[in-house]
Amino acid sequence: VVVGSSIAYVLTIKNLAREIILIDINRDKANGEAMDIQHGIPYMGSSSVRAGTYSDCVNCDLIIITAGRNRRPTESRIDMIYDNISIMKDVVNQMKPYYSKGVILIVSNPVGILTFKCDEWMALDNGRIMGTGCILDTSRLIRKIADYTKMNTETIKCNIVGEHGDTQFPVWSRLAIAGVPMDEYCNDIGLEWSEKQRVDIYRNVKNMGTQIITAKGRTHFGIATCVCSLADAILNQRPTIASVTTPLKGEYGIKDVAISLPSIVGVNGVEHRLEEHLTDTERKLLHYSADSLKSVLSRLS
């Protein structure tokens, strides 16, 4: 409920939704979170926030699923699969009778596996079910590159793609500062940019989640703000491009698995998955990431 309530709080202060409903197995907890958020909004927003039930999913424009246990410091996201897939199945079974429209956004981990199974169980149009994928990893990467280059994060374009887990990777070949390729930019200003910098930055990014969980028990503020950027695109018809997870339909020669790719996100969810010009090495890494998740899916069948 912490991730869900953090998302609800950011949605409220950003004034992105007319009505926000919290659903949790612990109804008292959901009601307390809703009241706590609601009490601040005369000064920060006009959303109605309340606890509800699955019947409230009727006519929702956006359904955000955060249900699942937290990742422990020594675990990978895949280690959570057997616990969280049963939780996700129960959520879908209770939600499905009341679903009438809207985008379903999966935040729970392992997000690639859960997004693929939710898509399978719900059988909706392509892109209506999506996962947050590597959007938070990408945000962390951009923050570290901004720190290194001493540039504003808004000028930096780069994505992490793949699993949202151990096999994800940055698409370094597409990294640009204000549209200028990173190699060219760094050469112009006399800043070193080599494999060493790339390895150091990404190692730091990859360990951030574990560092935060070790320090405070969970991550929730970062993903909450990332979710709200997607919610803005969906609810307010302000399309954006983000590295999010959906089941692929042949992009890069990959299908029957859900991985994270830069995608156009709008009112209908993922409206298009972008196929960038990857290097041969990046293509191999993407296929390796997809095959790793397919292997996990085969064990669940």
Protein backbone atom coordinates (compact mmCIF):
# COMPACT_ATOMS: atom_id res chain seq x y z
CA VAL A 1 0.00 0.00 0.00
CA VAL A 2 3.00 2.35 0.45
CA VAL A 3 3.76 2.50 -3.27
CA GLY A 4 0.07 2.87 -4.10
CA SER A 5 -0.51 5.63 -1.56
CA SER A 6 2.65 7.45 -2.70
CA ILE A 7 1.32 7.37 -6.26
CA ALA A 8 -2.08 8.61 -5.08
CA TYR A 9 -0.41 11.44 -3.16
CA VAL A 10 1.59 12.63 -6.19
CA LEU A 11 -1.47 12.32 -8.44
CA THR A 12 -3.32 14.51 -5.97
CA ILE A 13 -0.78 17.30 -5.58
CA LYS A 14 -0.25 17.32 -9.38
CA ASN A 15 -4.05 17.52 -9.80
CA LEU A 16 -4.02 14.79 -12.47
CA ALA A 17 -7.24 12.96 -11.64
CA ARG A 18 -10.78 13.96 -10.70
CA GLU A 19 -11.26 10.91 -8.48
CA ILE A 20 -8.68 8.53 -6.96
CA ILE A 21 -9.79 5.28 -5.35
CA LEU A 22 -7.50 3.13 -3.17
CA ILE A 23 -8.21 -0.62 -3.05
CA ASP A 24 -6.35 -2.81 -0.56
CA ILE A 25 -6.94 -6.09 1.24
CA ASN A 26 -6.63 -4.03 4.43
CA ARG A 27 -9.61 -1.69 3.99
CA ASP A 28 -8.83 0.25 7.17
CA LYS A 29 -5.30 0.98 5.95
CA ALA A 30 -6.60 2.15 2.56
CA ASN A 31 -9.18 4.35 4.27
CA GLY A 32 -6.53 5.89 6.53
CA GLU A 33 -4.21 6.61 3.59
CA ALA A 34 -7.09 8.17 1.63
CA MET A 35 -8.07 10.42 4.52
CA ASP A 36 -4.48 11.48 5.12
CA ILE A 37 -4.07 12.47 1.46
CA GLN A 38 -7.51 14.10 1.26
CA HIS A 39 -6.85 16.38 4.21
CA GLY A 40 -4.14 18.31 2.39
CA ILE A 41 -5.82 18.94 -0.93
CA PRO A 42 -7.70 22.21 -0.29
CA TYR A 43 -4.27 23.80 -0.70
CA MET A 44 -2.71 21.56 -3.37
CA GLY A 45 -5.40 20.04 -5.59
CA SER A 46 -9.05 19.20 -6.06
CA SER A 47 -9.05 15.40 -6.41
CA SER A 48 -11.50 13.27 -4.46
CA VAL A 49 -9.57 10.47 -2.70
CA ARG A 50 -11.30 7.55 -0.99
CA ALA A 51 -11.01 3.85 -0.22
CA GLY A 52 -13.06 1.55 -2.42
CA THR A 53 -13.60 -1.96 -3.76
CA TYR A 54 -13.07 -3.69 -7.09
CA SER A 55 -16.55 -2.66 -8.18
CA ASP A 56 -15.16 0.89 -8.43
CA CYS A 57 -13.05 -0.23 -11.44
CA VAL A 58 -16.12 0.31 -13.65
CA ASN A 59 -15.47 3.17 -16.11
CA CYS A 60 -12.01 3.97 -14.72
CA ASP A 61 -9.69 5.64 -17.23
CA LEU A 62 -6.58 4.27 -15.53
CA ILE A 63 -6.14 1.29 -13.20
CA ILE A 64 -2.76 1.13 -11.44
CA ILE A 65 -1.77 -2.20 -9.88
CA THR A 66 0.90 -2.11 -7.18
CA ALA A 67 -0.09 -5.28 -5.29
CA GLY A 68 2.74 -7.59 -4.28
CA ARG A 69 5.34 -8.07 -1.60
CA ASN A 70 8.44 -5.91 -1.38
CA ARG A 71 11.82 -6.96 -2.75
CA ARG A 72 14.38 -7.85 -0.07
CA PRO A 73 17.94 -6.46 -0.25
CA THR A 74 19.47 -9.81 -1.32
CA GLU A 75 16.82 -10.61 -3.95
CA SER A 76 16.53 -10.02 -7.66
CA ARG A 77 13.10 -9.01 -8.95
CA ILE A 78 12.67 -12.47 -10.51
CA ASP A 79 13.00 -14.03 -7.04
CA MET A 80 9.60 -12.51 -6.19
CA ILE A 81 7.74 -14.21 -9.03
CA TYR A 82 6.03 -17.10 -7.28
CA ASP A 83 4.62 -14.92 -4.51
CA ASN A 84 3.60 -12.02 -6.70
CA ILE A 85 2.11 -13.92 -9.62
CA SER A 86 -0.48 -15.51 -7.32
CA ILE A 87 -1.27 -12.06 -5.89
CA MET A 88 -1.61 -10.63 -9.42
CA LYS A 89 -3.90 -13.48 -10.48
CA ASP A 90 -6.16 -12.81 -7.50
CA VAL A 91 -6.26 -9.08 -8.32
CA VAL A 92 -7.15 -9.76 -11.96
CA ASN A 93 -9.86 -12.27 -11.01
CA GLN A 94 -11.51 -9.72 -8.71
CA MET A 95 -11.08 -6.78 -11.09
CA LYS A 96 -12.08 -8.46 -14.37
CA PRO A 97 -15.86 -8.63 -13.73
CA TYR A 98 -15.92 -4.84 -13.26
CA TYR A 99 -13.44 -3.77 -15.94
CA SER A 100 -15.19 -1.77 -18.66
CA LYS A 101 -12.50 0.45 -20.18
CA GLY A 102 -9.24 2.20 -19.49
CA VAL A 103 -5.53 1.48 -19.38
CA ILE A 104 -4.11 -0.99 -16.87
CA LEU A 105 -0.66 -0.03 -15.56
CA ILE A 106 1.39 -2.68 -13.72
CA VAL A 107 3.92 -1.43 -11.17
CA SER A 108 4.44 -4.71 -9.27
CA ASN A 109 7.60 -6.77 -9.82
CA PRO A 110 8.83 -8.66 -11.73
CA VAL A 111 7.01 -6.24 -14.00
CA GLY A 112 7.78 -7.95 -17.32
CA ILE A 113 6.40 -11.31 -16.21
CA LEU A 114 3.37 -9.82 -14.46
CA THR A 115 2.55 -7.53 -17.40
CA PHE A 116 2.70 -10.46 -19.83
CA LYS A 117 0.47 -12.66 -17.65
CA CYS A 118 -2.02 -9.85 -16.96
CA ASP A 119 -2.23 -9.20 -20.70
CA GLU A 120 -2.84 -12.90 -21.25
CA TRP A 121 -5.56 -13.09 -18.58
CA MET A 122 -7.35 -9.87 -19.57
CA ALA A 123 -7.05 -10.33 -23.38
CA LEU A 124 -7.39 -6.61 -24.17
CA ASP A 125 -6.25 -4.65 -27.22
CA ASN A 126 -2.51 -4.33 -27.86
CA GLY A 127 -1.02 -1.70 -25.54
CA ARG A 128 -3.96 -1.36 -23.14
CA ILE A 129 -1.97 -3.26 -20.49
CA MET A 130 1.49 -1.90 -19.80
CA GLY A 131 4.12 -2.04 -17.09
CA THR A 132 6.35 0.70 -15.72
CA GLY A 133 9.30 -1.29 -17.08
CA CYS A 134 12.60 0.60 -17.11
CA ILE A 135 11.19 4.11 -16.69
CA LEU A 136 12.65 4.50 -13.17
CA ASP A 137 15.99 2.97 -14.20
CA THR A 138 16.09 5.41 -17.13
CA SER A 139 15.33 8.32 -14.78
CA ARG A 140 18.18 7.26 -12.49
CA LEU A 141 20.55 6.93 -15.46
CA ILE A 142 19.70 10.40 -16.73
CA ARG A 143 20.26 11.81 -13.23
CA LYS A 144 23.74 10.27 -13.08
CA ILE A 145 24.64 11.48 -16.59
CA ALA A 146 23.41 14.96 -15.64
CA ASP A 147 25.64 14.88 -12.57
CA TYR A 148 28.62 13.82 -14.68
CA THR A 149 28.10 16.38 -17.45
CA LYS A 150 26.75 19.11 -15.13
CA MET A 151 23.82 19.58 -17.51
CA ASN A 152 20.09 19.85 -16.90
CA THR A 153 18.33 16.47 -17.00
CA GLU A 154 15.90 17.80 -19.62
CA THR A 155 18.72 18.03 -22.18
CA ILE A 156 19.69 14.35 -21.83
CA LYS A 157 18.10 11.58 -23.90
CA CYS A 158 18.95 7.94 -23.23
CA ASN A 159 16.93 4.84 -22.33
CA ILE A 160 17.45 1.64 -20.41
CA VAL A 161 15.65 -1.25 -22.10
CA GLY A 162 14.94 -4.94 -21.61
CA GLU A 163 13.86 -6.85 -18.55
CA HIS A 164 13.79 -4.27 -15.71
CA GLY A 165 16.12 -6.55 -13.87
CA ASP A 166 19.50 -8.19 -14.19
CA THR A 167 19.54 -8.28 -18.02
CA GLN A 168 18.47 -4.68 -18.69
CA PHE A 169 20.99 -2.34 -20.32
CA PRO A 170 21.42 1.30 -21.41
CA VAL A 171 21.25 2.06 -25.13
CA TRP A 172 24.50 4.00 -25.09
CA SER A 173 24.56 4.39 -28.87
CA ARG A 174 21.48 6.64 -28.66
CA LEU A 175 22.70 8.84 -25.78
CA ALA A 176 22.61 12.52 -26.72
CA ILE A 177 22.91 15.89 -25.00
CA ALA A 178 20.52 18.45 -26.52
CA GLY A 179 20.46 16.33 -29.66
CA VAL A 180 24.26 16.09 -29.91
CA PRO A 181 25.66 12.53 -29.71
CA MET A 182 27.45 12.00 -26.39
CA ASP A 183 30.84 11.19 -27.94
CA GLU A 184 30.71 14.37 -30.02
CA TYR A 185 29.48 16.49 -27.10
CA CYS A 186 32.17 15.28 -24.71
CA ASN A 187 34.88 15.72 -27.34
CA ASP A 188 33.74 19.31 -27.95
CA ILE A 189 33.92 20.30 -24.28
CA GLY A 190 36.97 18.21 -23.36
CA LEU A 191 35.11 15.78 -21.07
CA GLU A 192 36.31 12.18 -20.96
CA TRP A 193 33.78 9.63 -22.21
CA SER A 194 34.93 6.04 -22.52
CA GLU A 195 33.97 2.54 -21.47
CA LYS A 196 35.18 3.32 -17.95
CA GLN A 197 32.68 6.16 -17.50
CA ARG A 198 29.87 4.07 -18.97
CA VAL A 199 30.61 1.11 -16.70
CA ASP A 200 30.94 3.28 -13.58
CA ILE A 201 27.70 5.19 -14.24
CA TYR A 202 25.63 2.12 -15.05
CA ARG A 203 27.01 0.08 -12.15
CA ASN A 204 25.90 2.89 -9.85
CA VAL A 205 22.45 3.02 -11.47
CA LYS A 206 21.97 -0.75 -11.33
CA ASN A 207 22.71 -0.86 -7.59
CA MET A 208 20.51 2.10 -6.63
CA GLY A 209 17.38 0.08 -5.92
CA THR A 210 19.21 -2.31 -3.61
CA GLN A 211 20.94 0.59 -1.86
CA ILE A 212 17.64 2.32 -1.17
CA ILE A 213 15.95 -0.89 0.01
CA THR A 214 18.88 -1.63 2.33
CA ALA A 215 18.72 1.89 3.74
CA LYS A 216 14.97 2.37 4.19
CA GLY A 217 13.20 -0.91 3.41
CA ARG A 218 11.51 -0.01 0.10
CA THR A 219 11.50 2.37 -2.84
CA HIS A 220 8.34 4.35 -3.52
CA PHE A 221 8.87 8.08 -4.15
CA GLY A 222 10.86 7.63 -7.35
CA ILE A 223 8.43 5.20 -8.97
CA ALA A 224 5.48 7.34 -7.82
CA THR A 225 6.70 10.36 -9.78
CA CYS A 226 7.46 8.17 -12.82
CA VAL A 227 3.94 6.70 -12.71
CA CYS A 228 2.48 10.19 -12.57
CA SER A 229 4.29 11.20 -15.76
CA LEU A 230 2.59 8.22 -17.47
CA ALA A 231 -0.75 9.07 -15.84
CA ASP A 232 -0.51 12.61 -17.22
CA ALA A 233 0.02 11.24 -20.74
CA ILE A 234 -2.95 8.87 -20.42
CA LEU A 235 -5.47 10.99 -18.50
CA ASN A 236 -4.74 14.39 -20.01
CA GLN A 237 -3.99 13.30 -23.59
CA ARG A 238 -0.42 14.56 -23.45
CA PRO A 239 1.53 11.81 -25.25
CA THR A 240 5.07 11.13 -24.10
CA ILE A 241 7.86 8.69 -24.91
CA ALA A 242 9.01 6.41 -22.09
CA SER A 243 10.77 3.07 -21.68
CA VAL A 244 7.82 0.94 -20.56
CA THR A 245 6.87 -2.72 -20.76
CA THR A 246 4.33 -4.34 -23.08
CA PRO A 247 4.14 -7.73 -24.83
CA LEU A 248 6.09 -7.42 -28.08
CA LYS A 249 4.48 -8.33 -31.40
CA GLY A 250 7.60 -8.85 -33.51
CA GLU A 251 9.59 -5.69 -32.83
CA TYR A 252 13.30 -6.45 -33.28
CA GLY A 253 12.18 -9.98 -34.20
CA ILE A 254 10.89 -10.58 -30.65
CA LYS A 255 7.43 -11.75 -29.58
CA ASP A 256 5.67 -13.78 -26.88
CA VAL A 257 7.37 -11.86 -24.06
CA ALA A 258 6.98 -8.44 -22.40
CA ILE A 259 10.07 -6.24 -22.15
CA SER A 260 10.70 -2.52 -21.85
CA LEU A 261 11.24 -0.40 -24.96
CA PRO A 262 10.92 3.33 -25.70
CA SER A 263 7.22 3.68 -26.50
CA ILE A 264 4.68 6.37 -27.29
CA VAL A 265 2.33 6.49 -24.31
CA GLY A 266 -1.04 8.21 -24.70
CA VAL A 267 -4.72 7.93 -23.92
CA ASN A 268 -4.86 4.31 -25.16
CA GLY A 269 -1.78 3.19 -23.24
CA VAL A 270 1.19 2.20 -25.39
CA GLU A 271 0.21 3.41 -28.83
CA HIS A 272 3.46 2.50 -30.58
CA ARG A 273 6.73 0.78 -29.66
CA LEU A 274 9.72 2.50 -31.24
CA GLU A 275 12.33 0.46 -33.10
CA GLU A 276 15.54 2.46 -32.85
CA HIS A 277 18.70 1.79 -34.84
CA LEU A 278 20.58 -0.36 -32.32
CA THR A 279 24.12 -1.60 -32.69
CA ASP A 280 24.63 -5.33 -33.29
CA THR A 281 25.77 -5.71 -29.68
CA GLU A 282 22.67 -3.92 -28.37
CA ARG A 283 20.40 -6.13 -30.49
CA LYS A 284 22.07 -9.22 -29.04
CA LEU A 285 21.64 -7.89 -25.51
CA LEU A 286 17.96 -7.19 -26.18
CA HIS A 287 17.38 -10.72 -27.47
CA TYR A 288 19.29 -12.14 -24.50
CA SER A 289 17.08 -10.17 -22.11
CA ALA A 290 13.91 -11.36 -23.88
CA ASP A 291 15.10 -14.97 -23.88
CA SER A 292 15.85 -14.78 -20.15
CA LEU A 293 12.26 -13.74 -19.43
CA LYS A 294 10.90 -16.37 -21.83
CA SER A 295 12.77 -18.97 -19.81
CA VAL A 296 11.03 -17.79 -16.63
CA LEU A 297 7.64 -17.78 -18.38
CA SER A 298 8.18 -21.36 -19.56
CA ARG A 299 8.58 -22.47 -15.95
CA LEU A 300 5.25 -20.89 -15.05
CA SER A 301 3.26 -22.67 -17.78
